[in-house]
Amino acid sequence: GTHNMYKEYREMSRCEAVQALYQDMAARHRARFRSIHIIKVVEVEKADDIRRPYIKQLLTKNLKFPLPHRVPKTAGKKVFAAHRPATFF
């Protein structure tokens, strides 16, 4: 079928954004390269022009990401342990 879509990607270049579009369309919609027609690619300059909330949340100042797995330091590490190390803190 035909899909009419407006997509936003946070990539470092236009080429990477187009590649991300092809990967996303193949993964979510099983659309192949030959059936995707890109009308235009535009770099967004103002934050007000962004429409999608999943991209807007990345614009906050001092954005930090959590560290889900932490590996313990080697200072207190023993050679053998009685149990597996916990990486979730």
PDB file of N, CA and C in Angstrom:
ATOM      1  N   GLY A   1       0.805  -1.176   0.000  1.00  0.00           N
ATOM      2  CA  GLY A   1       0.000   0.000   0.000  1.00  0.00           C
ATOM      3  C   GLY A   1       0.854   1.248   0.000  1.00  0.00           C
ATOM      4  N   THR A   2       0.180   2.359  -0.047  1.00  0.00           N
ATOM      5  CA  THR A   2       0.833   3.655  -0.073  1.00  0.00           C
ATOM      6  C   THR A   2       0.823   4.264   1.313  1.00  0.00           C
ATOM      7  N   HIS A   3       1.958   4.806   1.719  1.00  0.00           N
ATOM      8  CA  HIS A   3       2.069   5.508   2.996  1.00  0.00           C
ATOM      9  C   HIS A   3       2.451   6.954   2.718  1.00  0.00           C
ATOM     10  N   ASN A   4       1.741   7.879   3.306  1.00  0.00           N
ATOM     11  CA  ASN A   4       2.139   9.285   3.293  1.00  0.00           C
ATOM     12  C   ASN A   4       2.595   9.609   4.701  1.00  0.00           C
ATOM     13  N   MET A   5       3.854   9.979   4.855  1.00  0.00           N
ATOM     14  CA  MET A   5       4.406  10.168   6.190  1.00  0.00           C
ATOM     15  C   MET A   5       5.254  11.418   6.268  1.00  0.00           C
ATOM     16  N   TYR A   6       5.303  11.951   7.488  1.00  0.00           N
ATOM     17  CA  TYR A   6       6.242  13.011   7.843  1.00  0.00           C
ATOM     18  C   TYR A   6       7.105  12.436   8.948  1.00  0.00           C
ATOM     19  N   LYS A   7       8.408  12.362   8.725  1.00  0.00           N
ATOM     20  CA  LYS A   7       9.304  11.748   9.706  1.00  0.00           C
ATOM     21  C   LYS A   7      10.371  12.745  10.125  1.00  0.00           C
ATOM     22  N   GLU A   8      10.775  12.655  11.401  1.00  0.00           N
ATOM     23  CA  GLU A   8      11.879  13.460  11.921  1.00  0.00           C
ATOM     24  C   GLU A   8      12.918  12.529  12.509  1.00  0.00           C
ATOM     25  N   TYR A   9      14.183  12.802  12.195  1.00  0.00           N
ATOM     26  CA  TYR A   9      15.283  11.998  12.707  1.00  0.00           C
ATOM     27  C   TYR A   9      16.341  12.917  13.279  1.00  0.00           C
ATOM     28  N   ARG A  10      16.995  12.462  14.304  1.00  0.00           N
ATOM     29  CA  ARG A  10      18.089  13.224  14.913  1.00  0.00           C
ATOM     30  C   ARG A  10      19.389  12.546  14.511  1.00  0.00           C
ATOM     31  N   GLU A  11      19.966  13.017  13.452  1.00  0.00           N
ATOM     32  CA  GLU A  11      21.202  12.448  12.922  1.00  0.00           C
ATOM     33  C   GLU A  11      22.199  13.575  12.672  1.00  0.00           C
ATOM     34  N   MET A  12      23.431  13.206  12.406  1.00  0.00           N
ATOM     35  CA  MET A  12      24.486  14.196  12.225  1.00  0.00           C
ATOM     36  C   MET A  12      24.552  14.755  10.803  1.00  0.00           C
ATOM     37  N   SER A  13      23.995  14.050   9.835  1.00  0.00           N
ATOM     38  CA  SER A  13      24.021  14.549   8.462  1.00  0.00           C
ATOM     39  C   SER A  13      22.737  14.132   7.755  1.00  0.00           C
ATOM     40  N   ARG A  14      22.530  14.706   6.584  1.00  0.00           N
ATOM     41  CA  ARG A  14      21.342  14.360   5.799  1.00  0.00           C
ATOM     42  C   ARG A  14      21.411  12.920   5.307  1.00  0.00           C
ATOM     43  N   CYS A  15      22.593  12.488   4.929  1.00  0.00           N
ATOM     44  CA  CYS A  15      22.754  11.113   4.441  1.00  0.00           C
ATOM     45  C   CYS A  15      22.423  10.101   5.534  1.00  0.00           C
ATOM     46  N   GLU A  16      22.860  10.378   6.755  1.00  0.00           N
ATOM     47  CA  GLU A  16      22.546   9.477   7.865  1.00  0.00           C
ATOM     48  C   GLU A  16      21.054   9.491   8.173  1.00  0.00           C
ATOM     49  N   ALA A  17      20.399  10.642   8.016  1.00  0.00           N
ATOM     50  CA  ALA A  17      18.959  10.722   8.246  1.00  0.00           C
ATOM     51  C   ALA A  17      18.193   9.914   7.199  1.00  0.00           C
ATOM     52  N   VAL A  18      18.633   9.985   5.956  1.00  0.00           N
ATOM     53  CA  VAL A  18      17.983   9.205   4.895  1.00  0.00           C
ATOM     54  C   VAL A  18      18.199   7.714   5.129  1.00  0.00           C
ATOM     55  N   GLN A  19      19.395   7.340   5.534  1.00  0.00           N
ATOM     56  CA  GLN A  19      19.667   5.934   5.836  1.00  0.00           C
ATOM     57  C   GLN A  19      18.812   5.461   7.010  1.00  0.00           C
ATOM     58  N   ALA A  20      18.649   6.302   8.028  1.00  0.00           N
ATOM     59  CA  ALA A  20      17.802   5.950   9.164  1.00  0.00           C
ATOM     60  C   ALA A  20      16.344   5.808   8.734  1.00  0.00           C
ATOM     61  N   LEU A  21      15.913   6.635   7.777  1.00  0.00           N
ATOM     62  CA  LEU A  21      14.552   6.532   7.252  1.00  0.00           C
ATOM     63  C   LEU A  21      14.334   5.194   6.566  1.00  0.00           C
ATOM     64  N   TYR A  22      15.265   4.791   5.719  1.00  0.00           N
ATOM     65  CA  TYR A  22      15.131   3.505   5.033  1.00  0.00           C
ATOM     66  C   TYR A  22      15.125   2.346   6.028  1.00  0.00           C
ATOM     67  N   GLN A  23      15.985   2.404   7.024  1.00  0.00           N
ATOM     68  CA  GLN A  23      16.023   1.341   8.033  1.00  0.00           C
ATOM     69  C   GLN A  23      14.723   1.292   8.829  1.00  0.00           C
ATOM     70  N   ASP A  24      14.212   2.468   9.192  1.00  0.00           N
ATOM     71  CA  ASP A  24      12.991   2.545   9.986  1.00  0.00           C
ATOM     72  C   ASP A  24      11.786   2.041   9.194  1.00  0.00           C
ATOM     73  N   MET A  25      11.690   2.438   7.933  1.00  0.00           N
ATOM     74  CA  MET A  25      10.569   1.992   7.103  1.00  0.00           C
ATOM     75  C   MET A  25      10.641   0.493   6.829  1.00  0.00           C
ATOM     76  N   ALA A  26      11.838  -0.035   6.674  1.00  0.00           N
ATOM     77  CA  ALA A  26      11.982  -1.475   6.465  1.00  0.00           C
ATOM     78  C   ALA A  26      11.617  -2.243   7.731  1.00  0.00           C
ATOM     79  N   ALA A  27      11.984  -1.704   8.880  1.00  0.00           N
ATOM     80  CA  ALA A  27      11.721  -2.409  10.135  1.00  0.00           C
ATOM     81  C   ALA A  27      10.257  -2.322  10.547  1.00  0.00           C
ATOM     82  N   ARG A  28       9.673  -1.150  10.458  1.00  0.00           N
ATOM     83  CA  ARG A  28       8.306  -0.960  10.951  1.00  0.00           C
ATOM     84  C   ARG A  28       7.234  -1.344   9.943  1.00  0.00           C
ATOM     85  N   HIS A  29       7.482  -1.114   8.659  1.00  0.00           N
ATOM     86  CA  HIS A  29       6.441  -1.286   7.648  1.00  0.00           C
ATOM     87  C   HIS A  29       6.798  -2.300   6.572  1.00  0.00           C
ATOM     88  N   ARG A  30       7.976  -2.914   6.668  1.00  0.00           N
ATOM     89  CA  ARG A  30       8.446  -3.877   5.664  1.00  0.00           C
ATOM     90  C   ARG A  30       8.489  -3.263   4.264  1.00  0.00           C
ATOM     91  N   ALA A  31       8.754  -1.967   4.215  1.00  0.00           N
ATOM     92  CA  ALA A  31       8.851  -1.267   2.935  1.00  0.00           C
ATOM     93  C   ALA A  31      10.265  -1.418   2.397  1.00  0.00           C
ATOM     94  N   ARG A  32      10.375  -1.719   1.129  1.00  0.00           N
ATOM     95  CA  ARG A  32      11.674  -1.887   0.499  1.00  0.00           C
ATOM     96  C   ARG A  32      12.159  -0.566  -0.094  1.00  0.00           C
ATOM     97  N   PHE A  33      13.429  -0.540  -0.448  1.00  0.00           N
ATOM     98  CA  PHE A  33      14.060   0.663  -0.993  1.00  0.00           C
ATOM     99  C   PHE A  33      13.340   1.156  -2.242  1.00  0.00           C
ATOM    100  N   ARG A  34      12.965   0.239  -3.115  1.00  0.00           N
ATOM    101  CA  ARG A  34      12.358   0.615  -4.391  1.00  0.00           C
ATOM    102  C   ARG A  34      10.953   1.190  -4.239  1.00  0.00           C
ATOM    103  N   SER A  35      10.306   0.954  -3.101  1.00  0.00           N
ATOM    104  CA  SER A  35       8.943   1.445  -2.915  1.00  0.00           C
ATOM    105  C   SER A  35       8.866   2.693  -2.034  1.00  0.00           C
ATOM    106  N   ILE A  36      10.005   3.273  -1.678  1.00  0.00           N
ATOM    107  CA  ILE A  36      10.030   4.482  -0.855  1.00  0.00           C
ATOM    108  C   ILE A  36      10.454   5.659  -1.731  1.00  0.00           C
ATOM    109  N   HIS A  37       9.646   6.695  -1.747  1.00  0.00           N
ATOM    110  CA  HIS A  37       9.948   7.908  -2.511  1.00  0.00           C
ATOM    111  C   HIS A  37      10.063   9.062  -1.523  1.00  0.00           C
ATOM    112  N   ILE A  38      11.253   9.612  -1.390  1.00  0.00           N
ATOM    113  CA  ILE A  38      11.488  10.727  -0.479  1.00  0.00           C
ATOM    114  C   ILE A  38      11.250  12.020  -1.247  1.00  0.00           C
ATOM    115  N   ILE A  39      10.334  12.835  -0.739  1.00  0.00           N
ATOM    116  CA  ILE A  39       9.996  14.086  -1.420  1.00  0.00           C
ATOM    117  C   ILE A  39      11.058  15.148  -1.154  1.00  0.00           C
ATOM    118  N   LYS A  40      11.403  15.370   0.131  1.00  0.00           N
ATOM    119  CA  LYS A  40      12.454  16.335   0.439  1.00  0.00           C
ATOM    120  C   LYS A  40      13.057  16.036   1.803  1.00  0.00           C
ATOM    121  N   VAL A  41      14.294  16.495   1.957  1.00  0.00           N
ATOM    122  CA  VAL A  41      15.037  16.360   3.212  1.00  0.00           C
ATOM    123  C   VAL A  41      15.446  17.768   3.624  1.00  0.00           C
ATOM    124  N   VAL A  42      15.055  18.164   4.835  1.00  0.00           N
ATOM    125  CA  VAL A  42      15.312  19.522   5.308  1.00  0.00           C
ATOM    126  C   VAL A  42      15.936  19.454   6.689  1.00  0.00           C
ATOM    127  N   GLU A  43      16.954  20.276   6.908  1.00  0.00           N
ATOM    128  CA  GLU A  43      17.531  20.402   8.246  1.00  0.00           C
ATOM    129  C   GLU A  43      16.715  21.410   9.038  1.00  0.00           C
ATOM    130  N   VAL A  44      16.301  21.032  10.224  1.00  0.00           N
ATOM    131  CA  VAL A  44      15.502  21.913  11.067  1.00  0.00           C
ATOM    132  C   VAL A  44      16.439  22.854  11.808  1.00  0.00           C
ATOM    133  N   GLU A  45      16.174  24.146  11.713  1.00  0.00           N
ATOM    134  CA  GLU A  45      17.046  25.135  12.344  1.00  0.00           C
ATOM    135  C   GLU A  45      16.484  25.673  13.644  1.00  0.00           C
ATOM    136  N   LYS A  46      15.160  25.822  13.736  1.00  0.00           N
ATOM    137  CA  LYS A  46      14.545  26.349  14.948  1.00  0.00           C
ATOM    138  C   LYS A  46      13.871  25.213  15.709  1.00  0.00           C
ATOM    139  N   ALA A  47      13.907  25.306  17.021  1.00  0.00           N
ATOM    140  CA  ALA A  47      13.275  24.278  17.854  1.00  0.00           C
ATOM    141  C   ALA A  47      11.758  24.311  17.726  1.00  0.00           C
ATOM    142  N   ASP A  48      11.203  25.449  17.335  1.00  0.00           N
ATOM    143  CA  ASP A  48       9.747  25.558  17.184  1.00  0.00           C
ATOM    144  C   ASP A  48       9.235  24.781  15.977  1.00  0.00           C
ATOM    145  N   ASP A  49      10.113  24.471  15.028  1.00  0.00           N
ATOM    146  CA  ASP A  49       9.692  23.753  13.827  1.00  0.00           C
ATOM    147  C   ASP A  49       9.555  22.255  14.052  1.00  0.00           C
ATOM    148  N   ILE A  50      10.042  21.757  15.151  1.00  0.00           N
ATOM    149  CA  ILE A  50       9.978  20.318  15.418  1.00  0.00           C
ATOM    150  C   ILE A  50       8.575  19.954  15.868  1.00  0.00           C
ATOM    151  N   ARG A  51       8.015  18.912  15.260  1.00  0.00           N
ATOM    152  CA  ARG A  51       6.639  18.518  15.538  1.00  0.00           C
ATOM    153  C   ARG A  51       6.533  17.320  16.474  1.00  0.00           C
ATOM    154  N   ARG A  52       7.444  16.380  16.370  1.00  0.00           N
ATOM    155  CA  ARG A  52       7.312  15.114  17.084  1.00  0.00           C
ATOM    156  C   ARG A  52       7.802  15.219  18.524  1.00  0.00           C
ATOM    157  N   PRO A  53       7.026  14.696  19.485  1.00  0.00           N
ATOM    158  CA  PRO A  53       7.433  14.803  20.900  1.00  0.00           C
ATOM    159  C   PRO A  53       8.669  13.984  21.244  1.00  0.00           C
ATOM    160  N   TYR A  54       8.912  12.889  20.541  1.00  0.00           N
ATOM    161  CA  TYR A  54      10.091  12.079  20.845  1.00  0.00           C
ATOM    162  C   TYR A  54      11.382  12.755  20.401  1.00  0.00           C
ATOM    163  N   ILE A  55      11.298  13.739  19.522  1.00  0.00           N
ATOM    164  CA  ILE A  55      12.463  14.535  19.158  1.00  0.00           C
ATOM    165  C   ILE A  55      12.545  15.778  20.047  1.00  0.00           C
ATOM    166  N   LYS A  56      11.394  16.341  20.435  1.00  0.00           N
ATOM    167  CA  LYS A  56      11.379  17.524  21.303  1.00  0.00           C
ATOM    168  C   LYS A  56      12.008  17.242  22.659  1.00  0.00           C
ATOM    169  N   GLN A  57      11.832  16.034  23.165  1.00  0.00           N
ATOM    170  CA  GLN A  57      12.389  15.724  24.484  1.00  0.00           C
ATOM    171  C   GLN A  57      13.914  15.703  24.474  1.00  0.00           C
ATOM    172  N   LEU A  58      14.528  15.584  23.316  1.00  0.00           N
ATOM    173  CA  LEU A  58      15.982  15.578  23.219  1.00  0.00           C
ATOM    174  C   LEU A  58      16.579  16.983  23.154  1.00  0.00           C
ATOM    175  N   LEU A  59      15.742  18.012  23.111  1.00  0.00           N
ATOM    176  CA  LEU A  59      16.220  19.386  22.987  1.00  0.00           C
ATOM    177  C   LEU A  59      16.463  20.066  24.325  1.00  0.00           C
ATOM    178  N   THR A  60      16.163  19.408  25.431  1.00  0.00           N
ATOM    179  CA  THR A  60      16.310  20.048  26.735  1.00  0.00           C
ATOM    180  C   THR A  60      17.777  20.348  27.019  1.00  0.00           C
ATOM    181  N   LYS A  61      17.999  21.435  27.741  1.00  0.00           N
ATOM    182  CA  LYS A  61      19.359  21.843  28.066  1.00  0.00           C
ATOM    183  C   LYS A  61      19.934  20.910  29.126  1.00  0.00           C
ATOM    184  N   ASN A  62      21.215  20.628  29.040  1.00  0.00           N
ATOM    185  CA  ASN A  62      21.928  19.718  29.955  1.00  0.00           C
ATOM    186  C   ASN A  62      21.281  18.335  29.989  1.00  0.00           C
ATOM    187  N   LEU A  63      21.004  17.790  28.828  1.00  0.00           N
ATOM    188  CA  LEU A  63      20.394  16.469  28.714  1.00  0.00           C
ATOM    189  C   LEU A  63      21.374  15.405  29.173  1.00  0.00           C
ATOM    190  N   LYS A  64      20.915  14.511  30.046  1.00  0.00           N
ATOM    191  CA  LYS A  64      21.757  13.431  30.545  1.00  0.00           C
ATOM    192  C   LYS A  64      21.030  12.110  30.368  1.00  0.00           C
ATOM    193  N   PHE A  65      21.788  11.072  30.075  1.00  0.00           N
ATOM    194  CA  PHE A  65      21.235   9.741  29.927  1.00  0.00           C
ATOM    195  C   PHE A  65      21.689   8.882  31.099  1.00  0.00           C
ATOM    196  N   PRO A  66      20.832   7.992  31.594  1.00  0.00           N
ATOM    197  CA  PRO A  66      21.230   7.146  32.725  1.00  0.00           C
ATOM    198  C   PRO A  66      22.224   6.073  32.299  1.00  0.00           C
ATOM    199  N   LEU A  67      22.991   5.591  33.261  1.00  0.00           N
ATOM    200  CA  LEU A  67      23.904   4.482  33.022  1.00  0.00           C
ATOM    201  C   LEU A  67      23.229   3.210  33.532  1.00  0.00           C
ATOM    202  N   PRO A  68      22.634   2.408  32.657  1.00  0.00           N
ATOM    203  CA  PRO A  68      21.882   1.243  33.136  1.00  0.00           C
ATOM    204  C   PRO A  68      22.769   0.139  33.707  1.00  0.00           C
ATOM    205  N   HIS A  69      23.938  -0.058  33.169  1.00  0.00           N
ATOM    206  CA  HIS A  69      24.842  -1.099  33.664  1.00  0.00           C
ATOM    207  C   HIS A  69      26.148  -0.457  34.091  1.00  0.00           C
ATOM    208  N   ARG A  70      26.544  -0.708  35.302  1.00  0.00           N
ATOM    209  CA  ARG A  70      27.821  -0.189  35.788  1.00  0.00           C
ATOM    210  C   ARG A  70      28.719  -1.352  36.155  1.00  0.00           C
ATOM    211  N   VAL A  71      29.917  -1.319  35.681  1.00  0.00           N
ATOM    212  CA  VAL A  71      30.896  -2.354  35.981  1.00  0.00           C
ATOM    213  C   VAL A  71      31.688  -1.899  37.199  1.00  0.00           C
ATOM    214  N   PRO A  72      31.852  -2.764  38.213  1.00  0.00           N
ATOM    215  CA  PRO A  72      32.581  -2.335  39.417  1.00  0.00           C
ATOM    216  C   PRO A  72      34.047  -2.032  39.114  1.00  0.00           C
ATOM    217  N   LYS A  73      34.624  -1.162  39.923  1.00  0.00           N
ATOM    218  CA  LYS A  73      36.025  -0.768  39.757  1.00  0.00           C
ATOM    219  C   LYS A  73      36.943  -1.945  40.085  1.00  0.00           C
ATOM    220  N   THR A  74      38.123  -1.922  39.539  1.00  0.00           N
ATOM    221  CA  THR A  74      39.056  -3.031  39.729  1.00  0.00           C
ATOM    222  C   THR A  74      39.788  -2.961  41.067  1.00  0.00           C
ATOM    223  N   ALA A  75      39.670  -1.857  41.824  1.00  0.00           N
ATOM    224  CA  ALA A  75      40.410  -1.714  43.080  1.00  0.00           C
ATOM    225  C   ALA A  75      39.950  -2.744  44.116  1.00  0.00           C
ATOM    226  N   GLY A  76      38.653  -2.913  44.271  1.00  0.00           N
ATOM    227  CA  GLY A  76      38.152  -3.857  45.268  1.00  0.00           C
ATOM    228  C   GLY A  76      37.744  -5.187  44.669  1.00  0.00           C
ATOM    229  N   LYS A  77      38.168  -5.454  43.461  1.00  0.00           N
ATOM    230  CA  LYS A  77      37.757  -6.668  42.757  1.00  0.00           C
ATOM    231  C   LYS A  77      38.634  -7.845  43.163  1.00  0.00           C
ATOM    232  N   LYS A  78      37.984  -8.960  43.430  1.00  0.00           N
ATOM    233  CA  LYS A  78      38.709 -10.178  43.767  1.00  0.00           C
ATOM    234  C   LYS A  78      38.849 -11.042  42.520  1.00  0.00           C
ATOM    235  N   VAL A  79      39.735 -12.005  42.584  1.00  0.00           N
ATOM    236  CA  VAL A  79      39.933 -12.894  41.441  1.00  0.00           C
ATOM    237  C   VAL A  79      38.746 -13.830  41.296  1.00  0.00           C
ATOM    238  N   PHE A  80      38.290 -14.391  42.412  1.00  0.00           N
ATOM    239  CA  PHE A  80      37.145 -15.291  42.403  1.00  0.00           C
ATOM    240  C   PHE A  80      36.040 -14.691  43.264  1.00  0.00           C
ATOM    241  N   ALA A  81      34.808 -14.860  42.844  1.00  0.00           N
ATOM    242  CA  ALA A  81      33.670 -14.344  43.605  1.00  0.00           C
ATOM    243  C   ALA A  81      32.671 -15.468  43.824  1.00  0.00           C
ATOM    244  N   ALA A  82      31.918 -15.373  44.911  1.00  0.00           N
ATOM    245  CA  ALA A  82      30.940 -16.406  45.234  1.00  0.00           C
ATOM    246  C   ALA A  82      29.674 -16.266  44.403  1.00  0.00           C
ATOM    247  N   HIS A  83      29.417 -15.071  43.902  1.00  0.00           N
ATOM    248  CA  HIS A  83      28.208 -14.849  43.107  1.00  0.00           C
ATOM    249  C   HIS A  83      28.521 -13.879  41.971  1.00  0.00           C
ATOM    250  N   ARG A  84      27.625 -13.814  41.024  1.00  0.00           N
ATOM    251  CA  ARG A  84      27.811 -12.930  39.881  1.00  0.00           C
ATOM    252  C   ARG A  84      27.697 -11.475  40.316  1.00  0.00           C
ATOM    253  N   PRO A  85      28.423 -10.590  39.683  1.00  0.00           N
ATOM    254  CA  PRO A  85      28.331  -9.177  40.073  1.00  0.00           C
ATOM    255  C   PRO A  85      27.001  -8.567  39.637  1.00  0.00           C
ATOM    256  N   ALA A  86      26.470  -7.684  40.461  1.00  0.00           N
ATOM    257  CA  ALA A  86      25.245  -6.961  40.130  1.00  0.00           C
ATOM    258  C   ALA A  86      25.629  -5.695  39.365  1.00  0.00           C
ATOM    259  N   THR A  87      25.045  -5.518  38.195  1.00  0.00           N
ATOM    260  CA  THR A  87      25.362  -4.338  37.391  1.00  0.00           C
ATOM    261  C   THR A  87      24.238  -3.318  37.413  1.00  0.00           C
ATOM    262  N   PHE A  88      23.106  -3.627  38.047  1.00  0.00           N
ATOM    263  CA  PHE A  88      21.990  -2.688  38.149  1.00  0.00           C
ATOM    264  C   PHE A  88      22.044  -2.000  39.496  1.00  0.00           C
ATOM    265  N   PHE A  89      22.209  -0.676  39.493  1.00  0.00           N
ATOM    266  CA  PHE A  89      22.243   0.087  40.738  1.00  0.00           C
ATOM    267  C   PHE A  89      21.211   1.172  40.702  1.00  0.00           C
TER     268      PHE A  89
END
